Structure formats: structure tokens, C-alpha cells
Amino acid sequence: MEHSKRHRIVWKLLRPVARLLLKCKFNYSSPVYAPKGPFIVLCNHVTDWDPIFVGAAFKEQMYFVTSEHLLRLGFVSKLIMWLQAPIARQKGGSAAGAVKAMLRAMKEGHNIGLFPEGNRTWDGVTRDFPASTGKLVRSCGGTLVTFRLSGGYFASPRWAGASTRRGRMRGQVVGTYSPEELRAMKPEEINQLIRRDLYEDAFEEQRQHPVPYRGKRLAEHLETLLFICPKCGAMHRMVSRDDRFVCENCGMETRFSVNGFFSGGRLPFDNVRDWNRWQEEQIKKLCENAGDGPIFSDSELQLSRVDSAKGSELIGVGELVLYKDHLELPTGISLPVEEITGMSLRGPSDLYIGTANGSSFELHADQVRCTVKYLSACTALGSPVGCGV
């Protein structure tokens, strides 16, 4: 990697500062590891701070694979590239370029950091990842280090945007696997050990070892994930206010507690994970029973065409409508469901779409709304969106 000496110096200088910052902000702790390199660290993905959490736990510098949108931020992107030069991966698009860059870096003796899920968890449970991950890890020719973050979901829920809460976070190496061990395993066997090592169910952990996560407006923006009321079935009528979550259709009201569970409202479940699982089943039923009319629609969305890691161009503002066989974008662009090869979200609601012909789009709304439902619905409709990376 070009300028790798500078990157190692920056890492050495900033890592102790990062550990102090994370301790103060999140009460984060982890041992400091120094595995023999070159190595590739795989970690579960829970917060936007994850590269810093992982980096603070390793003495040796590594290059993280990150979303290409970080390289479309003008001066900030230039600063990020100068400091550490992450490997860009286009959300909702082909990973071929990122894979080549990773293999090249490890052959040169550099270390890699990767979040195989490609997307932060929405409901506190580690997501699955592309089946090609095991083959990639074995092809890298280095040591595999699996690293698991705990407590991050409640410290910085995906649906809460930039809002954070202080409780307790931990990071630890779960397993270290030599190149010789990896060569003796099949790719799917490697995938199985990655799933085992990275898996976290935040709510089960919280039940067994409860920790309060204190902050302001604890339920704020929860409707970016949960948009169907479990009491009356109304869609898009859920509204968050401070720590309250209310259905404006039937009046159901519950509170999101400092322990991360719902209190009151006589709900059939007491946590985001179970509500989300129930909601995904409702989305599947909507898709199965859909006729010629819209399944979902959202208005006043800004549509941009994305040039990966370079920029984006606003091409229109209008309504996004999902039908059983196609997704209609603002400006009238129609995408057949089977040609949507990737779909992902940045933050709580910015929707990325990749297509079979290589086109990529970004949809942004200034208002709070749920767009992750399109990923769930397209998956139910048979779109090859994979894991949403």
C-alpha cells in the first residue's frame, strides 16, 4: 500500500488516544492484541465506530474495508485517505475491486480489517454474510483473527442515528487461525467458524447480564425500523417521542427503557428483535398477497446516481414505489425486482440500490422514515440482494 509507513505512524500515535476516547464515551474496554501478521480481522458490525473499536485493540496497523460513501465527502474523505487509506467497497454493488485490493495488500504483508456482514445490525443479532467470505479468507494467505464486540447495539442502535448512550462495551479476540489451519478447511467450514465466533444476540446477553445504557431521547427514530403496530396492524403510524413509542392510529404506547426493553403497552413482545422478526413476517405476507397495486411507497425522496468512491449526482425528487415485479424510482426509472442485485442502507434511512447492469442509486429523505422495509420486501420477492451489503 502506498504511504504505508505514514499510516503505521499515524496508527501508533492515534491508537492510545482512541482507547481513551472510547473509554470516556462508551465505557469501552478490550485487551491489546499483537497477532503475527499478515492477518485479517473479522468482526461483527454494530456501530459506526466499529473500526475505531477494533483498531484500538490491535498494536499493528490494518487497512479497513469500508463503504465507498466515505470517499465522497470532500475534504473529510481526503483526510481519511491521508490518515489510513481504507479499501472502498460499494454498497449494493460488486465487491470485485475491494477483494482484489485486499488480496494485494495481504500479499504485500499488510493487515486487513473486515466486517463481513457489510451492514450494522438493526435488531441486535449478528447478520449472515456472503458465502464467498470463507473462500476469500483462505485465499488471503494470512492468519484469520475473529473479534467480537459486545454491548454496542445498546450503546448506539442502528435506528437511533447519531444518538449514543453510555453503558458498557467490550471487545475481544474469539479465535486465531493460522494459514495452515485455513488451507486444511473448506470455505463453508471457515464460514461456520466465523458465524460461531462473531455471533451475538444483544437481547439475550442483556437478559443474562443487564447493564443500563443511559442517554437522551432513548426511543428517538425507532420508527425508521419498526413501522407496523403489533396491536392494530396499522403501517407508518408509529411515532417516537423521547423514550416513548406511540401508535397514532390506536393509541398504543410503550417506553424504551435504559435496559433496552419495552415497558408498558401490553405488547406481545418486550424487545426490538422480536418486534422486527414479527414485522418481517408481516412484510412477507404483504408480498405474497400483493396484486397489481403498490406494496410500499414513500414520497419526497431525493434520487442520486452514484459514481462509486467519486461522487453522486442528484437526478430527481419524487416517489419511490415497490410493486410485486418492479421498483419504481423517482423520475420514472423502473427496476425489475430480479435485476436488483444489491440493496443496503447508510445510517437509518439512506437507501442504496445496485443493479445487474452496474448502475447504482442513492435515495435520501430529509424526514424520518423507514426504508429498510424495501430490503426486507425485495428479499421476500426473490430479488438477489444477498445480505444487503
Protein backbone atom coordinates (compact mmCIF):
# COMPACT_ATOMS: atom_id res chain seq x y z
CA MET A 1 0.00 0.00 0.00
CA GLU A 2 1.26 3.46 -0.90
CA HIS A 3 2.33 5.60 2.09
CA SER A 4 2.09 2.60 4.45
CA LYS A 5 4.92 3.96 6.63
CA ARG A 6 2.90 7.11 7.32
CA HIS A 7 -0.19 5.04 8.03
CA ARG A 8 1.70 2.97 10.63
CA ILE A 9 3.00 6.11 12.35
CA VAL A 10 -0.50 7.62 12.45
CA TRP A 11 -1.85 4.35 13.89
CA LYS A 12 0.81 4.27 16.59
CA LEU A 13 0.10 7.87 17.60
CA LEU A 14 -3.70 7.76 17.49
CA ARG A 15 -4.43 4.33 18.96
CA PRO A 16 -3.82 5.35 22.61
CA VAL A 17 -5.92 8.48 22.06
CA ALA A 18 -8.71 6.35 20.58
CA ARG A 19 -8.67 3.98 23.58
CA LEU A 20 -9.07 6.91 25.96
CA LEU A 21 -11.86 8.47 23.88
CA LEU A 22 -13.78 5.19 23.65
CA LYS A 23 -13.41 4.57 27.37
CA CYS A 24 -14.84 8.01 28.18
CA LYS A 25 -17.66 7.96 25.63
CA PHE A 26 -18.77 4.31 25.69
CA ASN A 27 -17.02 2.77 28.72
CA TYR A 28 -15.26 0.52 26.21
CA SER A 29 -12.57 -1.94 27.23
CA SER A 30 -10.51 -4.56 25.42
CA PRO A 31 -7.13 -6.24 25.77
CA VAL A 32 -4.41 -5.14 23.36
CA TYR A 33 -3.53 -7.84 20.83
CA ALA A 34 -0.47 -8.36 18.65
CA PRO A 35 -1.05 -11.44 16.44
CA LYS A 36 1.60 -12.50 13.96
CA GLY A 37 0.92 -10.91 10.60
CA PRO A 38 -0.13 -10.58 7.99
CA PHE A 39 -3.59 -11.15 9.44
CA ILE A 40 -7.20 -10.42 8.58
CA VAL A 41 -9.51 -9.41 11.43
CA LEU A 42 -13.20 -10.22 11.02
CA CYS A 43 -15.63 -8.52 13.41
CA ASN A 44 -19.38 -8.28 13.91
CA HIS A 45 -20.83 -4.92 12.87
CA VAL A 46 -22.86 -2.96 15.43
CA THR A 47 -21.93 0.76 15.31
CA ASP A 48 -20.41 3.39 13.04
CA TRP A 49 -17.48 3.45 15.47
CA ASP A 50 -16.56 -0.21 14.92
CA PRO A 51 -13.29 0.37 13.01
CA ILE A 52 -12.09 2.52 15.89
CA PHE A 53 -13.17 -0.07 18.47
CA VAL A 54 -11.28 -2.79 16.60
CA GLY A 55 -8.27 -0.63 15.81
CA ALA A 56 -7.88 0.37 19.46
CA ALA A 57 -7.43 -3.31 20.36
CA PHE A 58 -4.52 -4.09 17.99
CA LYS A 59 -0.95 -2.83 18.13
CA GLU A 60 -0.32 -3.41 14.44
CA GLN A 61 -1.91 -1.14 11.84
CA MET A 62 -4.52 -2.58 9.47
CA TYR A 63 -6.45 -1.38 6.43
CA PHE A 64 -10.22 -1.50 6.90
CA VAL A 65 -12.69 -2.28 4.16
CA THR A 66 -15.28 0.48 4.33
CA SER A 67 -18.27 1.83 2.47
CA GLU A 68 -17.34 3.90 -0.59
CA HIS A 69 -19.53 6.78 0.60
CA LEU A 70 -16.72 7.76 2.98
CA LEU A 71 -14.70 8.68 -0.10
CA ARG A 72 -17.39 11.05 -1.38
CA LEU A 73 -17.17 13.58 1.46
CA GLY A 74 -14.78 16.15 0.02
CA PHE A 75 -12.10 17.32 2.46
CA VAL A 76 -13.13 14.74 5.08
CA SER A 77 -12.50 11.96 2.55
CA LYS A 78 -9.09 13.38 1.68
CA LEU A 79 -8.19 13.47 5.37
CA ILE A 80 -9.35 9.86 5.88
CA MET A 81 -7.30 8.72 2.89
CA TRP A 82 -4.23 10.59 4.15
CA LEU A 83 -4.55 9.09 7.62
CA GLN A 84 -5.31 5.44 6.80
CA ALA A 85 -6.39 4.89 3.14
CA PRO A 86 -9.25 2.43 3.72
CA ILE A 87 -10.28 -0.01 0.99
CA ALA A 88 -13.54 1.15 -0.58
CA ARG A 89 -16.45 -1.26 -1.00
CA GLN A 90 -19.54 -0.13 -2.89
CA LYS A 91 -22.76 -0.83 -1.00
CA GLY A 92 -25.24 -2.70 -3.13
CA GLY A 93 -22.68 -3.27 -5.87
CA SER A 94 -19.84 -5.53 -6.97
CA ALA A 95 -17.12 -6.35 -4.44
CA ALA A 96 -14.57 -7.41 -7.06
CA GLY A 97 -12.43 -4.28 -6.75
CA ALA A 98 -12.35 -4.44 -2.96
CA VAL A 99 -11.44 -8.14 -3.00
CA LYS A 100 -8.52 -7.53 -5.38
CA ALA A 101 -7.28 -4.69 -3.17
CA MET A 102 -7.46 -6.88 -0.06
CA LEU A 103 -5.56 -9.75 -1.68
CA ARG A 104 -2.90 -7.38 -2.98
CA ALA A 105 -2.48 -5.72 0.42
CA MET A 106 -2.03 -9.01 2.26
CA LYS A 107 0.47 -10.28 -0.31
CA GLU A 108 2.45 -7.12 0.43
CA GLY A 109 2.42 -8.03 4.13
CA HIS A 110 -0.28 -5.63 5.32
CA ASN A 111 -3.14 -6.46 7.70
CA ILE A 112 -6.84 -6.15 6.87
CA GLY A 113 -9.94 -5.35 8.94
CA LEU A 114 -13.30 -6.52 7.60
CA PHE A 115 -16.91 -6.51 8.80
CA PRO A 116 -18.30 -9.41 6.74
CA GLU A 117 -21.96 -8.55 7.43
CA GLY A 118 -21.41 -5.38 5.43
CA ASN A 119 -24.14 -3.63 7.38
CA ARG A 120 -24.74 -2.82 11.02
CA THR A 121 -27.28 -4.97 12.79
CA TRP A 122 -30.76 -3.48 13.06
CA ASP A 123 -32.11 -5.68 15.85
CA GLY A 124 -29.05 -6.62 17.90
CA VAL A 125 -28.47 -10.02 16.27
CA THR A 126 -25.41 -10.68 14.11
CA ARG A 127 -26.45 -10.94 10.46
CA ASP A 128 -25.30 -13.54 7.96
CA PHE A 129 -22.65 -12.66 5.41
CA PRO A 130 -21.80 -13.60 1.78
CA ALA A 131 -20.96 -17.27 1.26
CA SER A 132 -17.79 -16.20 -0.58
CA THR A 133 -16.25 -14.94 2.70
CA GLY A 134 -14.68 -18.28 3.60
CA LYS A 135 -13.03 -18.59 0.21
CA LEU A 136 -11.74 -15.02 0.45
CA VAL A 137 -10.24 -15.59 3.90
CA ARG A 138 -8.45 -18.74 2.77
CA SER A 139 -7.18 -17.04 -0.41
CA CYS A 140 -5.65 -14.17 1.58
CA GLY A 141 -2.89 -16.47 2.82
CA GLY A 142 -2.69 -14.85 6.24
CA THR A 143 -3.88 -15.52 9.79
CA LEU A 144 -7.59 -15.17 10.50
CA VAL A 145 -8.48 -13.35 13.72
CA THR A 146 -12.13 -13.27 14.79
CA PHE A 147 -13.07 -10.37 17.04
CA ARG A 148 -16.43 -9.82 18.74
CA LEU A 149 -17.90 -6.57 20.04
CA SER A 150 -20.46 -6.76 22.85
CA GLY A 151 -22.75 -4.03 24.16
CA GLY A 152 -22.52 -1.87 21.04
CA TYR A 153 -26.11 -2.33 19.98
CA PHE A 154 -27.49 -0.62 23.08
CA ALA A 155 -24.73 2.00 23.08
CA SER A 156 -25.53 3.06 19.51
CA PRO A 157 -28.63 1.43 17.98
CA ARG A 158 -28.72 1.48 14.19
CA TRP A 159 -32.17 3.09 14.14
CA ALA A 160 -31.11 5.89 16.50
CA GLY A 161 -28.85 7.67 14.00
CA ALA A 162 -26.03 9.59 15.68
CA SER A 163 -27.54 9.25 19.17
CA THR A 164 -25.35 7.31 21.64
CA ARG A 165 -25.81 6.01 25.18
CA ARG A 166 -23.22 5.17 27.80
CA GLY A 167 -23.31 1.77 29.43
CA ARG A 168 -20.59 -0.81 28.86
CA MET A 169 -18.87 -2.13 25.76
CA ARG A 170 -16.27 -4.86 25.36
CA GLY A 171 -14.12 -6.15 22.52
CA GLN A 172 -12.20 -9.41 22.48
CA VAL A 173 -10.48 -11.84 20.16
CA VAL A 174 -12.50 -15.05 19.97
CA GLY A 175 -10.29 -17.16 17.73
CA THR A 176 -6.97 -17.10 15.88
CA TYR A 177 -6.49 -19.46 12.92
CA SER A 178 -3.21 -19.96 11.10
CA PRO A 179 -2.87 -20.08 7.29
CA GLU A 180 -2.13 -23.80 7.60
CA GLU A 181 -5.35 -24.43 9.51
CA LEU A 182 -7.36 -22.43 6.97
CA ARG A 183 -5.86 -24.29 3.99
CA ALA A 184 -6.99 -27.58 5.56
CA MET A 185 -10.59 -26.36 5.78
CA LYS A 186 -13.29 -25.98 3.14
CA PRO A 187 -14.70 -22.46 2.60
CA GLU A 188 -18.02 -23.39 4.21
CA GLU A 189 -16.20 -24.75 7.27
CA ILE A 190 -14.45 -21.40 7.59
CA ASN A 191 -17.81 -19.66 7.26
CA GLN A 192 -19.20 -21.81 10.06
CA LEU A 193 -16.44 -20.88 12.49
CA ILE A 194 -16.82 -17.19 11.54
CA ARG A 195 -20.57 -17.38 12.26
CA ARG A 196 -19.89 -19.07 15.59
CA ASP A 197 -17.19 -16.65 16.69
CA LEU A 198 -18.91 -13.41 15.65
CA TYR A 199 -22.45 -14.24 16.72
CA GLU A 200 -24.07 -12.01 19.30
CA ASP A 201 -27.68 -11.71 20.37
CA ALA A 202 -27.66 -8.42 22.27
CA PHE A 203 -31.00 -9.01 23.94
CA GLU A 204 -30.14 -12.47 25.26
CA GLU A 205 -26.86 -11.10 26.59
CA GLN A 206 -28.72 -8.20 28.21
CA ARG A 207 -31.19 -10.55 29.90
CA GLN A 208 -28.37 -12.59 31.39
CA HIS A 209 -26.12 -9.67 32.29
CA PRO A 210 -28.23 -6.49 32.44
CA VAL A 211 -26.44 -3.16 32.05
CA PRO A 212 -28.20 0.24 31.97
CA TYR A 213 -27.46 2.37 28.87
CA ARG A 214 -28.26 5.95 29.74
CA GLY A 215 -28.84 8.73 27.27
CA LYS A 216 -31.33 11.25 25.94
CA ARG A 217 -34.40 10.51 23.80
CA LEU A 218 -33.92 6.74 24.07
CA ALA A 219 -36.68 5.83 21.58
CA GLU A 220 -35.95 8.58 19.07
CA HIS A 221 -36.24 7.45 15.41
CA LEU A 222 -37.29 3.90 16.31
CA GLU A 223 -39.87 4.22 13.54
CA THR A 224 -37.06 4.02 10.98
CA LEU A 225 -37.13 0.27 11.77
CA LEU A 226 -40.49 -0.55 13.36
CA PHE A 227 -43.33 0.81 11.24
CA ILE A 228 -46.14 -1.72 11.82
CA CYS A 229 -48.17 -1.54 15.04
CA PRO A 230 -48.48 -5.01 16.63
CA LYS A 231 -51.76 -4.03 18.33
CA CYS A 232 -53.82 -2.71 15.39
CA GLY A 233 -51.66 -3.59 12.36
CA ALA A 234 -51.54 -0.01 11.05
CA MET A 235 -48.48 0.86 8.95
CA HIS A 236 -46.44 4.08 9.13
CA ARG A 237 -48.33 5.38 12.18
CA MET A 238 -45.60 4.70 14.77
CA VAL A 239 -44.02 7.84 16.24
CA SER A 240 -41.19 8.23 18.77
CA ARG A 241 -41.06 10.97 21.37
CA ASP A 242 -38.20 10.98 23.91
CA ASP A 243 -38.35 7.45 25.43
CA ARG A 244 -41.95 6.82 24.23
CA PHE A 245 -43.06 4.90 21.16
CA VAL A 246 -46.66 5.56 20.16
CA CYS A 247 -49.11 4.34 17.52
CA GLU A 248 -51.11 7.33 16.32
CA ASN A 249 -53.79 5.02 14.94
CA CYS A 250 -54.85 3.05 18.04
CA GLY A 251 -53.07 4.96 20.82
CA MET A 252 -50.81 2.09 21.89
CA GLU A 253 -47.90 3.49 23.89
CA THR A 254 -44.77 1.84 25.22
CA ARG A 255 -41.47 3.11 26.60
CA PHE A 256 -37.92 2.17 25.67
CA SER A 257 -36.10 1.65 28.97
CA VAL A 258 -32.44 2.21 29.85
CA ASN A 259 -32.09 -1.58 29.83
CA GLY A 260 -33.13 -1.70 26.17
CA PHE A 261 -36.52 -3.37 26.64
CA PHE A 262 -40.05 -2.09 26.13
CA SER A 263 -42.09 -1.24 29.19
CA GLY A 264 -45.88 -0.94 29.07
CA GLY A 265 -48.29 -1.05 26.18
CA ARG A 266 -49.23 -4.72 26.66
CA LEU A 267 -47.19 -5.73 23.64
CA PRO A 268 -46.80 -9.37 22.57
CA PHE A 269 -43.00 -8.87 22.89
CA ASP A 270 -40.71 -6.74 25.01
CA ASN A 271 -37.82 -6.05 22.64
CA VAL A 272 -36.88 -4.69 19.20
CA ARG A 273 -35.57 -8.06 17.97
CA ASP A 274 -38.86 -9.91 18.38
CA TRP A 275 -40.92 -6.99 17.07
CA ASN A 276 -38.70 -6.85 13.98
CA ARG A 277 -38.98 -10.61 13.39
CA TRP A 278 -42.77 -10.38 13.62
CA GLN A 279 -42.73 -7.39 11.27
CA GLU A 280 -40.64 -9.24 8.67
CA GLU A 281 -43.26 -12.00 8.65
CA GLN A 282 -45.95 -9.38 8.02
CA ILE A 283 -43.87 -8.00 5.12
CA LYS A 284 -43.60 -11.49 3.62
CA LYS A 285 -47.39 -11.88 3.79
CA LEU A 286 -47.87 -8.49 2.12
CA CYS A 287 -45.57 -9.58 -0.70
CA GLU A 288 -47.23 -12.99 -1.09
CA ASN A 289 -50.69 -11.42 -1.29
CA ALA A 290 -49.72 -8.45 -3.44
CA GLY A 291 -51.75 -7.89 -6.58
CA ASP A 292 -51.07 -5.25 -9.19
CA GLY A 293 -51.08 -2.38 -6.69
CA PRO A 294 -48.18 -0.92 -4.70
CA ILE A 295 -46.78 -2.83 -1.74
CA PHE A 296 -44.93 0.17 -0.28
CA SER A 297 -44.42 3.77 -1.32
CA ASP A 298 -42.61 6.82 0.05
CA SER A 299 -42.75 10.36 -1.31
CA GLU A 300 -40.30 13.29 -1.36
CA LEU A 301 -37.21 11.13 -1.79
CA GLN A 302 -34.10 12.59 -3.39
CA LEU A 303 -32.67 10.28 -6.05
CA SER A 304 -28.97 10.41 -6.94
CA ARG A 305 -26.90 8.39 -9.37
CA VAL A 306 -23.73 7.17 -7.63
CA ASP A 307 -20.26 7.08 -9.13
CA SER A 308 -18.52 4.76 -6.68
CA ALA A 309 -15.92 6.41 -4.39
CA LYS A 310 -16.04 9.57 -6.53
CA GLY A 311 -19.33 11.38 -6.23
CA SER A 312 -23.07 11.37 -6.79
CA GLU A 313 -25.41 13.42 -8.95
CA LEU A 314 -28.92 14.42 -7.92
CA ILE A 315 -31.24 13.45 -10.77
CA GLY A 316 -34.69 13.98 -9.29
CA VAL A 317 -37.06 14.16 -6.34
CA GLY A 318 -40.25 12.16 -6.11
CA GLU A 319 -41.94 8.94 -5.05
CA LEU A 320 -40.44 5.50 -4.54
CA VAL A 321 -42.95 2.72 -5.18
CA LEU A 322 -42.48 -1.04 -4.82
CA TYR A 323 -44.63 -3.40 -6.86
CA LYS A 324 -44.52 -7.18 -6.91
CA ASP A 325 -42.34 -7.27 -10.04
CA HIS A 326 -40.52 -3.94 -10.08
CA LEU A 327 -39.31 -0.96 -8.07
CA GLU A 328 -40.19 2.43 -9.49
CA LEU A 329 -37.75 5.21 -8.61
CA PRO A 330 -38.38 8.96 -8.69
CA THR A 331 -38.14 10.34 -12.27
CA GLY A 332 -39.84 7.16 -13.55
CA ILE A 333 -36.85 4.78 -13.60
CA SER A 334 -38.21 1.24 -13.34
CA LEU A 335 -36.04 -1.57 -11.95
CA PRO A 336 -37.26 -5.18 -12.33
CA VAL A 337 -37.01 -6.91 -8.95
CA GLU A 338 -34.84 -9.70 -10.36
CA GLU A 339 -32.31 -7.13 -11.62
CA ILE A 340 -31.79 -5.52 -8.21
CA THR A 341 -28.56 -7.25 -7.23
CA GLY A 342 -27.75 -5.24 -4.12
CA MET A 343 -29.59 -3.12 -1.60
CA SER A 344 -28.23 -1.52 1.53
CA LEU A 345 -28.68 1.36 3.91
CA ARG A 346 -26.32 4.03 5.19
CA GLY A 347 -27.38 5.30 8.56
CA PRO A 348 -31.03 4.76 9.47
CA SER A 349 -32.70 5.59 6.15
CA ASP A 350 -30.43 6.38 3.15
CA LEU A 351 -31.14 3.58 0.67
CA TYR A 352 -28.55 2.31 -1.82
CA ILE A 353 -29.54 0.19 -4.80
CA GLY A 354 -27.24 -1.73 -7.14
CA THR A 355 -28.45 -3.26 -10.40
CA ALA A 356 -27.36 -6.04 -12.75
CA ASN A 357 -26.21 -3.54 -15.37
CA GLY A 358 -23.83 -1.85 -12.94
CA SER A 359 -25.92 1.24 -12.19
CA SER A 360 -26.07 2.43 -8.58
CA PHE A 361 -28.54 4.79 -6.96
CA GLU A 362 -28.95 6.51 -3.61
CA LEU A 363 -32.26 7.64 -2.12
CA HIS A 364 -32.29 10.20 0.67
CA ALA A 365 -35.11 11.72 2.70
CA ASP A 366 -34.91 14.73 4.97
CA GLN A 367 -37.81 13.36 7.03
CA VAL A 368 -37.67 10.38 9.40
CA ARG A 369 -38.99 7.28 7.65
CA CYS A 370 -38.49 3.54 7.30
CA THR A 371 -36.70 2.43 4.13
CA VAL A 372 -35.23 -0.85 5.42
CA LYS A 373 -38.66 -2.35 4.62
CA TYR A 374 -37.69 -2.25 0.91
CA LEU A 375 -34.73 -4.51 1.61
CA SER A 376 -36.94 -6.96 3.52
CA ALA A 377 -39.63 -6.88 0.83
CA CYS A 378 -37.24 -7.31 -2.11
CA THR A 379 -35.68 -10.28 -0.33
CA ALA A 380 -39.16 -11.79 0.11
CA LEU A 381 -39.93 -11.15 -3.56
CA GLY A 382 -36.88 -13.12 -4.66
CA SER A 383 -34.53 -10.29 -5.54
CA PRO A 384 -30.86 -11.42 -5.37
CA VAL A 385 -29.95 -8.70 -2.90
CA GLY A 386 -27.91 -11.14 -0.84
CA CYS A 387 -27.11 -9.93 2.66
CA GLY A 388 -27.78 -6.32 1.78
CA VAL A 389 -24.09 -5.45 1.51
